[in-house]
Amino acid sequence: MKDARNDAPLLPRGRVATWTRERLDKLSTDELRALRANAEKLKESEVAALCDDILEHRPGVRRTKKSA
């Protein structure tokens, strides 16, 4: 019996090409934080870094360091 997972095409990594700075700027702060968290979980460091950069420059947004 064939495993359907083996027949599925692999998705390309590097989703940063889909997320431009202009597109990310249109997201709300909450949406941007959620995208950043998802990008981190998926090991998409470029997307997470882009989210961090935009969040740093948003007025009234505080970044808190995670406890070790």
Protein backbone atom coordinates (compact mmCIF):
# COMPACT_ATOMS: atom_id res chain seq x y z
CA MET A 1 0.00 0.00 0.00
CA LYS A 2 1.38 3.41 -0.98
CA ASP A 3 1.88 6.12 1.58
CA ALA A 4 0.22 9.34 0.38
CA ARG A 5 2.84 11.42 2.18
CA ASN A 6 5.55 10.04 -0.09
CA ASP A 7 3.65 11.08 -3.23
CA ALA A 8 3.10 14.68 -2.15
CA PRO A 9 5.48 17.23 -3.67
CA LEU A 10 7.87 18.86 -1.25
CA LEU A 11 7.24 22.51 -0.57
CA PRO A 12 10.21 24.74 -1.18
CA ARG A 13 11.85 26.31 1.84
CA GLY A 14 12.63 29.99 2.04
CA ARG A 15 9.24 31.64 2.18
CA VAL A 16 10.89 35.05 2.50
CA ALA A 17 10.29 35.54 -1.23
CA THR A 18 6.55 35.54 -0.48
CA TRP A 19 6.84 38.06 2.35
CA THR A 20 8.03 41.46 1.20
CA ARG A 21 8.65 44.34 3.59
CA GLU A 22 5.75 46.22 1.99
CA ARG A 23 3.41 43.28 2.57
CA LEU A 24 4.54 42.87 6.17
CA ASP A 25 4.11 46.61 6.85
CA LYS A 26 0.41 46.21 6.04
CA LEU A 27 -0.08 43.64 8.81
CA SER A 28 -1.28 44.64 12.25
CA THR A 29 1.18 44.31 15.11
CA ASP A 30 -0.64 41.23 16.41
CA GLU A 31 -0.57 39.61 12.95
CA LEU A 32 3.12 40.41 12.60
CA ARG A 33 3.88 38.87 15.99
CA ALA A 34 1.95 35.72 15.05
CA LEU A 35 3.78 35.47 11.72
CA ARG A 36 7.10 35.91 13.50
CA ALA A 37 6.28 33.12 15.97
CA ASN A 38 5.26 30.80 13.12
CA ALA A 39 8.36 31.66 11.12
CA GLU A 40 10.53 30.86 14.13
CA LYS A 41 8.81 27.48 14.61
CA LEU A 42 9.30 26.68 10.91
CA LYS A 43 12.98 27.70 11.06
CA GLU A 44 12.36 30.56 8.61
CA SER A 45 14.94 32.85 10.17
CA GLU A 46 14.85 35.42 7.35
CA VAL A 47 11.11 35.95 7.75
CA ALA A 48 11.45 36.14 11.55
CA ALA A 49 14.29 38.67 11.25
CA LEU A 50 12.25 40.81 8.86
CA CYS A 51 9.33 40.74 11.32
CA ASP A 52 11.70 41.71 14.16
CA ASP A 53 13.04 44.64 12.16
CA ILE A 54 9.57 45.97 11.40
CA LEU A 55 8.39 45.47 14.99
CA GLU A 56 11.42 47.37 16.32
CA HIS A 57 10.50 50.41 14.27
CA ARG A 58 6.81 50.47 15.12
CA PRO A 59 5.86 53.15 17.63
CA GLY A 60 4.72 51.86 21.01
CA VAL A 61 5.87 48.29 20.45
CA ARG A 62 7.97 46.88 23.26
CA ARG A 63 10.13 43.83 22.79
CA THR A 64 10.64 41.63 25.81
CA LYS A 65 13.47 39.17 26.11
CA LYS A 66 12.53 35.56 26.70
CA SER A 67 13.76 33.98 29.90
CA ALA A 68 16.38 31.30 29.47
